[in-house]
Amino acid sequence: MTTNGIETPAAPVSNLRAARREQTQARKTAAKTAPAKKAPAKRATSGAQAKTQAAKSAPARLKWIFPEGYDKRGETGQTATAADGTEYAIQPSGEKWRAVAKRGGKTETLGDGVGFAKAYALCVAAAKKAAA
């Protein structure tokens, strides 16, 4: 709109499609002329190193189950079994929780009187440590 109140139409863009084609071609030629960056060569790892790296990076798989059902999880807690046969349990202990690991007939208390998240973290950390 101009100052006198009469609206003037916008100037038409001539050959917009051709201008866009030229821009695209310019980008393609610039990409072709730029030198390609190469990633640095990685050092080959031995078989033993590869296995330990895989063990460190692989998460400990624990499948948690609720012995008395999901509805009673606050009363009975939950258990999980690791690939090596170790059984982990998160049990209620008053207002707090207890983390327990059973290995080969031995029961080890990982944490007592902790919050649920801490008990869970203790079980997962113990499973990772046992898998390594």
C-alpha atoms as a PDB file:
ATOM      1  CA  MET A   1       0.000   0.000   0.000  1.00  0.00           C
ATOM      2  CA  THR A   2       1.290   3.421  -0.822  1.00  0.00           C
ATOM      3  CA  THR A   3       0.899   6.656   1.126  1.00  0.00           C
ATOM      4  CA  ASN A   4      -1.950   7.909  -1.032  1.00  0.00           C
ATOM      5  CA  GLY A   5      -4.074   4.803  -0.270  1.00  0.00           C
ATOM      6  CA  ILE A   6      -3.922   3.217  -3.696  1.00  0.00           C
ATOM      7  CA  GLU A   7      -2.621  -0.317  -3.642  1.00  0.00           C
ATOM      8  CA  THR A   8      -0.111  -1.290  -6.304  1.00  0.00           C
ATOM      9  CA  PRO A   9       0.349  -4.891  -7.396  1.00  0.00           C
ATOM     10  CA  ALA A  10       3.621  -6.643  -6.665  1.00  0.00           C
ATOM     11  CA  ALA A  11       6.066  -6.865  -9.545  1.00  0.00           C
ATOM     12  CA  PRO A  12       5.907 -10.325 -11.176  1.00  0.00           C
ATOM     13  CA  VAL A  13       8.964 -12.494 -10.784  1.00  0.00           C
ATOM     14  CA  SER A  14      10.226 -13.311 -14.222  1.00  0.00           C
ATOM     15  CA  ASN A  15      11.517 -16.789 -14.852  1.00  0.00           C
ATOM     16  CA  LEU A  16      11.526 -18.005 -11.228  1.00  0.00           C
ATOM     17  CA  ARG A  17      11.847 -21.623 -12.292  1.00  0.00           C
ATOM     18  CA  ALA A  18      14.974 -20.899 -14.333  1.00  0.00           C
ATOM     19  CA  ALA A  19      16.544 -18.980 -11.439  1.00  0.00           C
ATOM     20  CA  ARG A  20      15.954 -21.921  -9.070  1.00  0.00           C
ATOM     21  CA  ARG A  21      17.436 -24.357 -11.591  1.00  0.00           C
ATOM     22  CA  GLU A  22      20.572 -22.214 -11.833  1.00  0.00           C
ATOM     23  CA  GLN A  23      20.908 -22.166  -8.035  1.00  0.00           C
ATOM     24  CA  THR A  24      20.548 -25.952  -7.872  1.00  0.00           C
ATOM     25  CA  GLN A  25      23.145 -26.449 -10.577  1.00  0.00           C
ATOM     26  CA  ALA A  26      25.545 -24.078  -8.814  1.00  0.00           C
ATOM     27  CA  ARG A  27      25.188 -26.065  -5.574  1.00  0.00           C
ATOM     28  CA  LYS A  28      25.779 -29.369  -7.373  1.00  0.00           C
ATOM     29  CA  THR A  29      28.916 -28.147  -9.114  1.00  0.00           C
ATOM     30  CA  ALA A  30      30.248 -26.669  -5.873  1.00  0.00           C
ATOM     31  CA  ALA A  31      29.727 -30.021  -4.155  1.00  0.00           C
ATOM     32  CA  LYS A  32      31.528 -31.854  -6.957  1.00  0.00           C
ATOM     33  CA  THR A  33      34.553 -29.570  -6.911  1.00  0.00           C
ATOM     34  CA  ALA A  34      34.985 -29.665  -3.114  1.00  0.00           C
ATOM     35  CA  PRO A  35      37.437 -32.350  -1.967  1.00  0.00           C
ATOM     36  CA  ALA A  36      35.840 -35.307  -0.218  1.00  0.00           C
ATOM     37  CA  LYS A  37      36.664 -35.710   3.453  1.00  0.00           C
ATOM     38  CA  LYS A  38      37.828 -39.153   4.457  1.00  0.00           C
ATOM     39  CA  ALA A  39      37.254 -40.671   7.862  1.00  0.00           C
ATOM     40  CA  PRO A  40      40.398 -41.645   9.734  1.00  0.00           C
ATOM     41  CA  ALA A  41      41.234 -45.331   9.494  1.00  0.00           C
ATOM     42  CA  LYS A  42      40.246 -47.343  12.552  1.00  0.00           C
ATOM     43  CA  ARG A  43      42.686 -49.679  14.158  1.00  0.00           C
ATOM     44  CA  ALA A  44      41.636 -53.311  13.950  1.00  0.00           C
ATOM     45  CA  THR A  45      40.857 -54.929  17.293  1.00  0.00           C
ATOM     46  CA  SER A  46      41.827 -58.425  18.222  1.00  0.00           C
ATOM     47  CA  GLY A  47      39.235 -61.090  18.982  1.00  0.00           C
ATOM     48  CA  ALA A  48      39.692 -60.823  22.763  1.00  0.00           C
ATOM     49  CA  GLN A  49      39.394 -57.038  22.696  1.00  0.00           C
ATOM     50  CA  ALA A  50      36.271 -57.222  20.547  1.00  0.00           C
ATOM     51  CA  LYS A  51      34.618 -59.607  23.004  1.00  0.00           C
ATOM     52  CA  THR A  52      35.381 -57.428  26.026  1.00  0.00           C
ATOM     53  CA  GLN A  53      34.174 -54.312  24.205  1.00  0.00           C
ATOM     54  CA  ALA A  54      30.954 -56.083  23.244  1.00  0.00           C
ATOM     55  CA  ALA A  55      30.458 -57.252  26.830  1.00  0.00           C
ATOM     56  CA  LYS A  56      30.969 -53.738  28.161  1.00  0.00           C
ATOM     57  CA  SER A  57      28.594 -52.152  25.671  1.00  0.00           C
ATOM     58  CA  ALA A  58      25.883 -54.825  25.863  1.00  0.00           C
ATOM     59  CA  PRO A  59      23.330 -54.063  28.545  1.00  0.00           C
ATOM     60  CA  ALA A  60      22.503 -56.653  31.159  1.00  0.00           C
ATOM     61  CA  ARG A  61      19.166 -58.166  30.183  1.00  0.00           C
ATOM     62  CA  LEU A  62      16.829 -58.616  33.112  1.00  0.00           C
ATOM     63  CA  LYS A  63      13.228 -59.657  32.545  1.00  0.00           C
ATOM     64  CA  TRP A  64      11.276 -58.463  35.549  1.00  0.00           C
ATOM     65  CA  ILE A  65       8.228 -60.414  36.727  1.00  0.00           C
ATOM     66  CA  PHE A  66       5.740 -59.885  39.534  1.00  0.00           C
ATOM     67  CA  PRO A  67       5.293 -63.067  41.628  1.00  0.00           C
ATOM     68  CA  GLU A  68       1.807 -62.239  42.941  1.00  0.00           C
ATOM     69  CA  GLY A  69       0.716 -60.156  39.958  1.00  0.00           C
ATOM     70  CA  TYR A  70       1.139 -56.539  38.991  1.00  0.00           C
ATOM     71  CA  ASP A  71      -1.634 -55.341  41.304  1.00  0.00           C
ATOM     72  CA  LYS A  72       0.235 -56.566  44.416  1.00  0.00           C
ATOM     73  CA  ARG A  73       3.678 -55.329  43.362  1.00  0.00           C
ATOM     74  CA  GLY A  74       3.835 -52.930  46.320  1.00  0.00           C
ATOM     75  CA  GLU A  75       3.393 -55.821  48.763  1.00  0.00           C
ATOM     76  CA  THR A  76       5.444 -58.572  47.115  1.00  0.00           C
ATOM     77  CA  GLY A  77       7.982 -56.693  44.977  1.00  0.00           C
ATOM     78  CA  GLN A  78       9.391 -58.104  41.757  1.00  0.00           C
ATOM     79  CA  THR A  79      12.063 -60.547  40.612  1.00  0.00           C
ATOM     80  CA  ALA A  80      14.295 -61.011  37.583  1.00  0.00           C
ATOM     81  CA  THR A  81      16.648 -63.686  36.320  1.00  0.00           C
ATOM     82  CA  ALA A  82      19.860 -62.892  34.443  1.00  0.00           C
ATOM     83  CA  ALA A  83      21.407 -64.974  31.661  1.00  0.00           C
ATOM     84  CA  ASP A  84      23.924 -66.490  34.103  1.00  0.00           C
ATOM     85  CA  GLY A  85      21.127 -67.791  36.357  1.00  0.00           C
ATOM     86  CA  THR A  86      21.447 -65.145  39.045  1.00  0.00           C
ATOM     87  CA  GLU A  87      18.100 -64.109  40.480  1.00  0.00           C
ATOM     88  CA  TYR A  88      17.581 -60.478  41.455  1.00  0.00           C
ATOM     89  CA  ALA A  89      14.720 -59.272  43.622  1.00  0.00           C
ATOM     90  CA  ILE A  90      13.349 -55.928  44.743  1.00  0.00           C
ATOM     91  CA  GLN A  91      11.360 -56.463  47.928  1.00  0.00           C
ATOM     92  CA  PRO A  92       9.442 -54.032  50.125  1.00  0.00           C
ATOM     93  CA  SER A  93      11.131 -53.242  53.431  1.00  0.00           C
ATOM     94  CA  GLY A  94       8.707 -51.105  55.423  1.00  0.00           C
ATOM     95  CA  GLU A  95       8.365 -47.812  53.569  1.00  0.00           C
ATOM     96  CA  LYS A  96      11.565 -48.444  51.589  1.00  0.00           C
ATOM     97  CA  TRP A  97      12.897 -51.243  49.384  1.00  0.00           C
ATOM     98  CA  ARG A  98      15.561 -53.967  49.568  1.00  0.00           C
ATOM     99  CA  ALA A  99      17.630 -55.200  46.592  1.00  0.00           C
ATOM    100  CA  VAL A 100      18.748 -58.835  46.801  1.00  0.00           C
ATOM    101  CA  ALA A 101      20.814 -61.096  44.524  1.00  0.00           C
ATOM    102  CA  LYS A 102      20.792 -64.919  44.769  1.00  0.00           C
ATOM    103  CA  ARG A 103      23.807 -66.612  43.195  1.00  0.00           C
ATOM    104  CA  GLY A 104      24.482 -70.328  43.512  1.00  0.00           C
ATOM    105  CA  GLY A 105      22.545 -70.705  46.769  1.00  0.00           C
ATOM    106  CA  LYS A 106      24.081 -67.586  48.347  1.00  0.00           C
ATOM    107  CA  THR A 107      21.939 -64.556  49.049  1.00  0.00           C
ATOM    108  CA  GLU A 108      23.580 -61.149  48.879  1.00  0.00           C
ATOM    109  CA  THR A 109      21.847 -57.945  49.945  1.00  0.00           C
ATOM    110  CA  LEU A 110      22.731 -55.217  47.470  1.00  0.00           C
ATOM    111  CA  GLY A 111      20.908 -52.436  49.287  1.00  0.00           C
ATOM    112  CA  ASP A 112      18.472 -52.162  52.179  1.00  0.00           C
ATOM    113  CA  GLY A 113      16.229 -49.242  53.079  1.00  0.00           C
ATOM    114  CA  VAL A 114      16.662 -47.497  49.738  1.00  0.00           C
ATOM    115  CA  GLY A 115      14.190 -46.009  47.296  1.00  0.00           C
ATOM    116  CA  PHE A 116      12.771 -48.134  44.492  1.00  0.00           C
ATOM    117  CA  ALA A 117      14.830 -46.439  41.776  1.00  0.00           C
ATOM    118  CA  LYS A 118      18.031 -47.013  43.752  1.00  0.00           C
ATOM    119  CA  ALA A 119      17.152 -50.672  44.357  1.00  0.00           C
ATOM    120  CA  TYR A 120      16.508 -51.143  40.641  1.00  0.00           C
ATOM    121  CA  ALA A 121      19.801 -49.424  39.763  1.00  0.00           C
ATOM    122  CA  LEU A 122      21.685 -51.654  42.226  1.00  0.00           C
ATOM    123  CA  CYS A 123      20.244 -54.798  40.621  1.00  0.00           C
ATOM    124  CA  VAL A 124      21.099 -53.652  37.098  1.00  0.00           C
ATOM    125  CA  ALA A 125      24.621 -52.611  38.129  1.00  0.00           C
ATOM    126  CA  ALA A 126      25.212 -55.991  39.816  1.00  0.00           C
ATOM    127  CA  ALA A 127      23.967 -57.808  36.700  1.00  0.00           C
ATOM    128  CA  LYS A 128      26.301 -55.765  34.473  1.00  0.00           C
ATOM    129  CA  LYS A 129      29.227 -56.457  36.795  1.00  0.00           C
ATOM    130  CA  ALA A 130      28.466 -60.194  36.840  1.00  0.00           C
ATOM    131  CA  ALA A 131      28.181 -60.299  33.029  1.00  0.00           C
ATOM    132  CA  ALA A 132      31.575 -58.624  32.530  1.00  0.00           C
END
